[in-house]
Amino acid sequence: MKSLYLILILSASFMISCAPHLVNTPEGKTIDKRLVGKWKGTETNQQEFGLKKDWIVTRKIDGTYNIKFKFTDAENNVSESEYDGIWWIEDGDFYEMDLINEETDVYDYLVENKNQVKFRIKSIVMEMNNEAYIFVYTRIAE
């Protein structure tokens, strides 16, 4: 009886402490369901002066993502790239690892509303012009 009581208390405490928007993948990674879906983002001069970067990312509930970038330089030359990877939430931060180089970027994030999320860089693999790199994702589709 004491064991059952202890299990009930621990279960109740766990359910109260868990945010309803957080779920775990079979691999044990935590996912924020509010970030699942298809999103677009854009930035200019933050990664490199004279470079505009647009992207579309599709994040899945299983913790995988696909991102397609379009880069436009100051002379209007366009290049594109695409990556697959995994994403998760840890200690309130957003982690994103592409599967090509297996390096991870870390961001603070703030869900402003159902259709916009603001990200601020904490740790990134590539060099950036702007150490206070901030961008907003806008939802395209769920």
N, C-alpha and C. Protein backbone atom coordinates (compact mmCIF):
# COMPACT_ATOMS: atom_id res chain seq x y z
N MET A 1 0.82 -1.19 0.00
CA MET A 1 0.00 0.00 0.00
C MET A 1 0.87 1.26 0.00
N LYS A 2 1.94 1.25 0.84
CA LYS A 2 2.84 2.41 0.87
C LYS A 2 3.49 2.62 -0.50
N SER A 3 3.84 1.52 -1.18
CA SER A 3 4.47 1.64 -2.50
C SER A 3 3.51 2.28 -3.49
N LEU A 4 2.27 1.85 -3.48
CA LEU A 4 1.27 2.42 -4.38
C LEU A 4 1.08 3.90 -4.09
N TYR A 5 1.02 4.27 -2.83
CA TYR A 5 0.87 5.66 -2.43
C TYR A 5 2.05 6.50 -2.93
N LEU A 6 3.26 5.98 -2.77
CA LEU A 6 4.47 6.67 -3.22
C LEU A 6 4.46 6.83 -4.74
N ILE A 7 4.06 5.80 -5.46
CA ILE A 7 3.99 5.87 -6.92
C ILE A 7 2.99 6.93 -7.35
N LEU A 8 1.83 6.97 -6.70
CA LEU A 8 0.82 7.97 -7.03
C LEU A 8 1.32 9.39 -6.78
N ILE A 9 2.01 9.60 -5.67
CA ILE A 9 2.56 10.93 -5.35
C ILE A 9 3.62 11.33 -6.38
N LEU A 10 4.52 10.41 -6.70
CA LEU A 10 5.58 10.71 -7.67
C LEU A 10 4.98 10.97 -9.05
N SER A 11 3.99 10.19 -9.44
CA SER A 11 3.35 10.40 -10.74
C SER A 11 2.67 11.75 -10.80
N ALA A 12 1.96 12.11 -9.75
CA ALA A 12 1.27 13.41 -9.71
C ALA A 12 2.29 14.55 -9.77
N SER A 13 3.37 14.43 -9.01
CA SER A 13 4.41 15.46 -9.03
C SER A 13 5.03 15.59 -10.41
N PHE A 14 5.27 14.46 -11.06
CA PHE A 14 5.86 14.48 -12.38
C PHE A 14 4.92 15.15 -13.38
N MET A 15 3.64 14.82 -13.34
CA MET A 15 2.68 15.41 -14.28
C MET A 15 2.54 16.91 -14.06
N ILE A 16 2.60 17.35 -12.82
CA ILE A 16 2.48 18.78 -12.53
C ILE A 16 3.71 19.53 -13.03
N SER A 17 4.88 18.91 -12.86
CA SER A 17 6.12 19.60 -13.24
C SER A 17 6.35 19.61 -14.74
N CYS A 18 5.71 18.72 -15.48
CA CYS A 18 5.91 18.67 -16.93
C CYS A 18 5.02 19.66 -17.64
N ALA A 19 5.59 20.39 -18.55
CA ALA A 19 4.80 21.31 -19.37
C ALA A 19 4.03 20.49 -20.40
N PRO A 20 2.78 20.83 -20.66
CA PRO A 20 1.96 20.04 -21.60
C PRO A 20 2.47 20.09 -23.03
N HIS A 21 3.28 21.08 -23.38
CA HIS A 21 3.79 21.18 -24.75
C HIS A 21 5.07 20.39 -24.96
N LEU A 22 5.61 19.79 -23.90
CA LEU A 22 6.84 19.00 -24.03
C LEU A 22 6.52 17.51 -24.07
N VAL A 23 7.13 16.81 -25.02
CA VAL A 23 6.98 15.37 -25.15
C VAL A 23 8.36 14.76 -25.38
N ASN A 24 8.47 13.47 -25.16
CA ASN A 24 9.74 12.78 -25.37
C ASN A 24 9.67 11.88 -26.59
N THR A 25 10.78 11.84 -27.35
CA THR A 25 10.89 10.92 -28.47
C THR A 25 11.24 9.54 -27.92
N PRO A 26 11.11 8.50 -28.73
CA PRO A 26 11.54 7.16 -28.27
C PRO A 26 13.02 7.12 -27.87
N GLU A 27 13.82 8.03 -28.43
CA GLU A 27 15.25 8.08 -28.09
C GLU A 27 15.51 8.84 -26.80
N GLY A 28 14.46 9.40 -26.21
CA GLY A 28 14.60 10.10 -24.94
C GLY A 28 14.86 11.60 -25.05
N LYS A 29 14.80 12.15 -26.25
CA LYS A 29 14.97 13.59 -26.44
C LYS A 29 13.65 14.29 -26.14
N THR A 30 13.71 15.48 -25.56
CA THR A 30 12.51 16.27 -25.29
C THR A 30 12.22 17.16 -26.48
N ILE A 31 10.96 17.18 -26.90
CA ILE A 31 10.50 17.97 -28.04
C ILE A 31 9.45 18.96 -27.55
N ASP A 32 9.53 20.20 -28.02
CA ASP A 32 8.50 21.19 -27.76
C ASP A 32 7.54 21.14 -28.94
N LYS A 33 6.33 20.61 -28.70
CA LYS A 33 5.35 20.44 -29.77
C LYS A 33 5.01 21.75 -30.47
N ARG A 34 5.19 22.88 -29.79
CA ARG A 34 4.87 24.17 -30.41
C ARG A 34 5.80 24.50 -31.56
N LEU A 35 6.95 23.82 -31.65
CA LEU A 35 7.93 24.09 -32.71
C LEU A 35 7.81 23.15 -33.89
N VAL A 36 6.92 22.18 -33.79
CA VAL A 36 6.71 21.23 -34.88
C VAL A 36 5.94 21.92 -35.99
N GLY A 37 6.31 21.62 -37.23
CA GLY A 37 5.62 22.19 -38.39
C GLY A 37 6.60 22.75 -39.39
N LYS A 38 6.07 23.51 -40.32
CA LYS A 38 6.88 24.13 -41.38
C LYS A 38 6.98 25.62 -41.09
N TRP A 39 8.22 26.12 -41.07
CA TRP A 39 8.51 27.50 -40.67
C TRP A 39 9.42 28.16 -41.69
N LYS A 40 9.33 29.49 -41.79
CA LYS A 40 10.26 30.23 -42.64
C LYS A 40 11.00 31.26 -41.79
N GLY A 41 12.20 31.57 -42.23
CA GLY A 41 13.00 32.58 -41.56
C GLY A 41 13.82 33.35 -42.57
N THR A 42 14.30 34.49 -42.16
CA THR A 42 15.15 35.31 -43.03
C THR A 42 16.05 36.18 -42.16
N GLU A 43 17.19 36.53 -42.69
CA GLU A 43 18.08 37.47 -42.03
C GLU A 43 19.01 38.05 -43.07
N THR A 44 19.49 39.26 -42.81
CA THR A 44 20.42 39.94 -43.71
C THR A 44 21.58 40.50 -42.90
N ASN A 45 22.79 40.27 -43.38
CA ASN A 45 24.02 40.81 -42.80
C ASN A 45 24.36 40.27 -41.41
N GLN A 46 23.67 39.28 -40.92
CA GLN A 46 24.00 38.77 -39.59
C GLN A 46 25.08 37.71 -39.64
N GLN A 47 24.99 36.81 -40.62
CA GLN A 47 26.02 35.79 -40.75
C GLN A 47 27.24 36.37 -41.45
N GLU A 48 26.98 37.14 -42.49
CA GLU A 48 28.06 37.73 -43.28
C GLU A 48 27.53 39.01 -43.91
N PHE A 49 28.32 40.09 -43.86
CA PHE A 49 27.90 41.34 -44.47
C PHE A 49 27.67 41.15 -45.96
N GLY A 50 26.59 41.71 -46.48
CA GLY A 50 26.26 41.60 -47.88
C GLY A 50 25.56 40.30 -48.25
N LEU A 51 25.18 39.51 -47.27
CA LEU A 51 24.54 38.23 -47.52
C LEU A 51 23.15 38.19 -46.90
N LYS A 52 22.16 37.87 -47.73
CA LYS A 52 20.80 37.65 -47.25
C LYS A 52 20.57 36.15 -47.23
N LYS A 53 19.98 35.67 -46.16
CA LYS A 53 19.73 34.24 -46.01
C LYS A 53 18.24 34.05 -45.74
N ASP A 54 17.59 33.23 -46.57
CA ASP A 54 16.20 32.83 -46.36
C ASP A 54 16.20 31.32 -46.17
N TRP A 55 15.28 30.82 -45.38
CA TRP A 55 15.22 29.38 -45.19
C TRP A 55 13.82 28.93 -44.83
N ILE A 56 13.61 27.63 -45.09
CA ILE A 56 12.37 26.94 -44.72
C ILE A 56 12.81 25.70 -43.95
N VAL A 57 12.26 25.54 -42.77
CA VAL A 57 12.58 24.36 -41.97
C VAL A 57 11.28 23.62 -41.66
N THR A 58 11.36 22.30 -41.76
CA THR A 58 10.25 21.44 -41.37
C THR A 58 10.73 20.60 -40.20
N ARG A 59 10.11 20.82 -39.04
CA ARG A 59 10.44 20.06 -37.83
C ARG A 59 9.34 19.05 -37.55
N LYS A 60 9.74 17.83 -37.28
CA LYS A 60 8.78 16.76 -37.01
C LYS A 60 8.77 16.41 -35.52
N ILE A 61 7.68 15.82 -35.09
CA ILE A 61 7.49 15.44 -33.69
C ILE A 61 8.49 14.36 -33.26
N ASP A 62 9.08 13.64 -34.22
CA ASP A 62 10.04 12.60 -33.88
C ASP A 62 11.44 13.17 -33.61
N GLY A 63 11.59 14.51 -33.70
CA GLY A 63 12.88 15.13 -33.42
C GLY A 63 13.78 15.29 -34.63
N THR A 64 13.26 15.05 -35.82
CA THR A 64 14.05 15.25 -37.03
C THR A 64 13.63 16.56 -37.70
N TYR A 65 14.51 17.08 -38.54
CA TYR A 65 14.18 18.28 -39.30
C TYR A 65 14.87 18.26 -40.66
N ASN A 66 14.33 19.08 -41.56
CA ASN A 66 14.94 19.34 -42.85
C ASN A 66 14.92 20.85 -43.02
N ILE A 67 16.05 21.40 -43.46
CA ILE A 67 16.13 22.85 -43.67
C ILE A 67 16.71 23.14 -45.04
N LYS A 68 16.08 24.07 -45.75
CA LYS A 68 16.52 24.48 -47.08
C LYS A 68 16.87 25.96 -47.01
N PHE A 69 18.11 26.28 -47.38
CA PHE A 69 18.61 27.65 -47.36
C PHE A 69 18.70 28.21 -48.78
N LYS A 70 18.47 29.51 -48.88
CA LYS A 70 18.72 30.26 -50.11
C LYS A 70 19.56 31.47 -49.71
N PHE A 71 20.74 31.59 -50.31
CA PHE A 71 21.66 32.68 -50.00
C PHE A 71 21.71 33.63 -51.19
N THR A 72 21.59 34.93 -50.93
CA THR A 72 21.69 35.94 -51.98
C THR A 72 22.76 36.94 -51.56
N ASP A 73 23.79 37.08 -52.41
CA ASP A 73 24.88 38.01 -52.05
C ASP A 73 24.59 39.41 -52.57
N ALA A 74 25.51 40.31 -52.33
CA ALA A 74 25.32 41.73 -52.69
C ALA A 74 25.17 41.93 -54.20
N GLU A 75 25.70 41.00 -55.00
CA GLU A 75 25.58 41.09 -56.46
C GLU A 75 24.37 40.30 -56.97
N ASN A 76 23.50 39.88 -56.07
CA ASN A 76 22.29 39.10 -56.38
C ASN A 76 22.58 37.70 -56.92
N ASN A 77 23.77 37.17 -56.63
CA ASN A 77 24.05 35.77 -56.95
C ASN A 77 23.35 34.91 -55.91
N VAL A 78 22.71 33.84 -56.36
CA VAL A 78 21.93 32.98 -55.47
C VAL A 78 22.55 31.59 -55.42
N SER A 79 22.63 31.06 -54.22
CA SER A 79 23.02 29.66 -54.03
C SER A 79 22.07 29.04 -53.03
N GLU A 80 21.99 27.72 -53.05
CA GLU A 80 21.07 27.02 -52.17
C GLU A 80 21.78 25.83 -51.53
N SER A 81 21.30 25.44 -50.35
CA SER A 81 21.78 24.24 -49.70
C SER A 81 20.65 23.64 -48.87
N GLU A 82 20.81 22.37 -48.53
CA GLU A 82 19.77 21.67 -47.78
C GLU A 82 20.44 20.70 -46.82
N TYR A 83 19.87 20.60 -45.61
CA TYR A 83 20.41 19.73 -44.58
C TYR A 83 19.28 19.00 -43.86
N ASP A 84 19.60 17.83 -43.38
CA ASP A 84 18.72 17.09 -42.48
C ASP A 84 19.42 17.01 -41.13
N GLY A 85 18.62 16.90 -40.08
CA GLY A 85 19.22 16.81 -38.76
C GLY A 85 18.22 16.40 -37.70
N ILE A 86 18.67 16.57 -36.46
CA ILE A 86 17.81 16.30 -35.31
C ILE A 86 17.75 17.55 -34.43
N TRP A 87 16.65 17.69 -33.70
CA TRP A 87 16.47 18.83 -32.81
C TRP A 87 15.83 18.35 -31.52
N TRP A 88 16.08 19.11 -30.45
CA TRP A 88 15.51 18.77 -29.16
C TRP A 88 15.61 19.97 -28.23
N ILE A 89 14.95 19.85 -27.09
CA ILE A 89 14.97 20.86 -26.04
C ILE A 89 15.69 20.26 -24.84
N GLU A 90 16.60 21.05 -24.26
CA GLU A 90 17.33 20.60 -23.08
C GLU A 90 17.58 21.80 -22.18
N ASP A 91 17.17 21.69 -20.92
CA ASP A 91 17.31 22.78 -19.95
C ASP A 91 16.72 24.09 -20.49
N GLY A 92 15.62 24.00 -21.23
CA GLY A 92 14.95 25.19 -21.75
C GLY A 92 15.56 25.78 -23.00
N ASP A 93 16.63 25.18 -23.52
CA ASP A 93 17.28 25.67 -24.73
C ASP A 93 16.95 24.76 -25.91
N PHE A 94 17.03 25.34 -27.11
CA PHE A 94 16.78 24.62 -28.35
C PHE A 94 18.12 24.15 -28.91
N TYR A 95 18.22 22.86 -29.22
CA TYR A 95 19.43 22.26 -29.79
C TYR A 95 19.11 21.77 -31.19
N GLU A 96 20.06 22.01 -32.11
CA GLU A 96 19.88 21.61 -33.50
C GLU A 96 21.21 21.06 -34.01
N MET A 97 21.18 19.80 -34.47
CA MET A 97 22.39 19.17 -34.98
C MET A 97 22.14 18.70 -36.40
N ASP A 98 22.97 19.19 -37.36
CA ASP A 98 22.80 18.68 -38.71
C ASP A 98 23.57 17.36 -38.83
N LEU A 99 23.07 16.48 -39.66
CA LEU A 99 23.62 15.13 -39.75
C LEU A 99 24.86 15.04 -40.63
N ILE A 100 25.23 16.12 -41.31
CA ILE A 100 26.42 16.09 -42.15
C ILE A 100 27.68 16.20 -41.30
N ASN A 101 27.77 17.24 -40.48
CA ASN A 101 28.99 17.42 -39.68
C ASN A 101 28.79 17.04 -38.22
N GLU A 102 27.56 16.71 -37.84
CA GLU A 102 27.21 16.27 -36.48
C GLU A 102 27.66 17.27 -35.41
N GLU A 103 27.60 18.56 -35.75
CA GLU A 103 27.88 19.60 -34.78
C GLU A 103 26.57 20.27 -34.40
N THR A 104 26.51 20.74 -33.16
CA THR A 104 25.25 21.22 -32.60
C THR A 104 25.29 22.72 -32.33
N ASP A 105 24.22 23.42 -32.74
CA ASP A 105 24.01 24.82 -32.40
C ASP A 105 22.99 24.87 -31.27
N VAL A 106 23.14 25.87 -30.40
CA VAL A 106 22.24 26.02 -29.25
C VAL A 106 21.66 27.43 -29.26
N TYR A 107 20.35 27.52 -29.02
CA TYR A 107 19.64 28.80 -29.04
C TYR A 107 18.73 28.92 -27.82
N ASP A 108 18.58 30.17 -27.34
CA ASP A 108 17.44 30.51 -26.49
C ASP A 108 16.27 30.64 -27.45
N TYR A 109 15.08 30.31 -26.99
CA TYR A 109 13.93 30.55 -27.85
C TYR A 109 12.74 31.02 -27.02
N LEU A 110 11.90 31.81 -27.68
CA LEU A 110 10.71 32.35 -27.05
C LEU A 110 9.55 32.19 -28.02
N VAL A 111 8.55 31.42 -27.61
CA VAL A 111 7.35 31.26 -28.42
C VAL A 111 6.51 32.50 -28.18
N GLU A 112 6.49 33.39 -29.15
CA GLU A 112 5.74 34.64 -29.00
C GLU A 112 4.25 34.42 -29.19
N ASN A 113 3.89 33.55 -30.10
CA ASN A 113 2.50 33.14 -30.31
C ASN A 113 2.54 31.86 -31.13
N LYS A 114 1.39 31.34 -31.49
CA LYS A 114 1.32 30.06 -32.21
C LYS A 114 2.10 30.08 -33.52
N ASN A 115 2.25 31.26 -34.11
CA ASN A 115 2.85 31.35 -35.44
C ASN A 115 4.19 32.06 -35.50
N GLN A 116 4.75 32.44 -34.36
CA GLN A 116 6.07 33.09 -34.36
C GLN A 116 6.89 32.65 -33.16
N VAL A 117 8.15 32.36 -33.45
CA VAL A 117 9.10 31.97 -32.42
C VAL A 117 10.38 32.76 -32.66
N LYS A 118 10.89 33.37 -31.60
CA LYS A 118 12.14 34.14 -31.68
C LYS A 118 13.29 33.28 -31.14
N PHE A 119 14.39 33.26 -31.88
CA PHE A 119 15.59 32.52 -31.49
C PHE A 119 16.75 33.49 -31.30
N ARG A 120 17.58 33.22 -30.30
CA ARG A 120 18.80 33.98 -30.06
C ARG A 120 19.93 32.99 -29.85
N ILE A 121 21.02 33.19 -30.57
CA ILE A 121 22.13 32.25 -30.52
C ILE A 121 22.80 32.22 -29.16
N LYS A 122 23.11 31.04 -28.69
CA LYS A 122 23.93 30.85 -27.49
C LYS A 122 25.29 30.29 -27.88
N SER A 123 25.26 29.32 -28.80
CA SER A 123 26.49 28.67 -29.24
C SER A 123 26.27 28.16 -30.67
N ILE A 124 27.15 28.56 -31.58
CA ILE A 124 26.99 28.16 -32.98
C ILE A 124 28.33 27.72 -33.54
N VAL A 125 28.27 26.78 -34.45
CA VAL A 125 29.47 26.20 -35.03
C VAL A 125 30.17 27.19 -35.97
N MET A 126 29.41 27.85 -36.85
CA MET A 126 30.02 28.74 -37.85
C MET A 126 30.32 30.12 -37.27
N GLU A 127 31.23 30.81 -37.92
CA GLU A 127 31.52 32.18 -37.51
C GLU A 127 30.39 33.10 -37.93
N MET A 128 30.12 34.09 -37.10
CA MET A 128 29.04 35.02 -37.38
C MET A 128 29.56 36.44 -37.28
N ASN A 129 28.99 37.33 -38.09
CA ASN A 129 29.27 38.76 -37.98
C ASN A 129 28.68 39.33 -36.70
N ASN A 130 27.54 38.78 -36.32
CA ASN A 130 26.77 39.33 -35.22
C ASN A 130 26.71 38.31 -34.08
N GLU A 131 27.36 38.60 -32.98
CA GLU A 131 27.35 37.67 -31.85
C GLU A 131 26.01 37.66 -31.13
N ALA A 132 25.16 38.64 -31.38
CA ALA A 132 23.82 38.69 -30.81
C ALA A 132 22.81 38.26 -31.87
N TYR A 133 23.14 37.20 -32.59
CA TYR A 133 22.34 36.71 -33.71
C TYR A 133 20.93 36.35 -33.24
N ILE A 134 19.94 37.09 -33.74
CA ILE A 134 18.53 36.88 -33.40
C ILE A 134 17.73 36.82 -34.69
N PHE A 135 16.79 35.89 -34.74
CA PHE A 135 15.89 35.81 -35.89
C PHE A 135 14.55 35.26 -35.42
N VAL A 136 13.55 35.44 -36.28
CA VAL A 136 12.20 35.00 -35.97
C VAL A 136 11.75 34.00 -37.02
N TYR A 137 11.20 32.89 -36.56
CA TYR A 137 10.54 31.93 -37.44
C TYR A 137 9.06 32.27 -37.51
N THR A 138 8.50 32.19 -38.71
CA THR A 138 7.07 32.38 -38.91
C THR A 138 6.49 31.07 -39.47
N ARG A 139 5.43 30.61 -38.85
CA ARG A 139 4.82 29.35 -39.27
C ARG A 139 4.22 29.46 -40.67
N ILE A 140 4.50 28.44 -41.50
CA ILE A 140 3.90 28.31 -42.82
C ILE A 140 2.75 27.30 -42.76
N ALA A 141 3.01 26.18 -42.08
CA ALA A 141 2.02 25.10 -41.97
C ALA A 141 2.32 24.29 -40.72
N GLU A 142 1.29 23.62 -40.23
CA GLU A 142 1.48 22.76 -39.04
C GLU A 142 1.92 21.38 -39.45
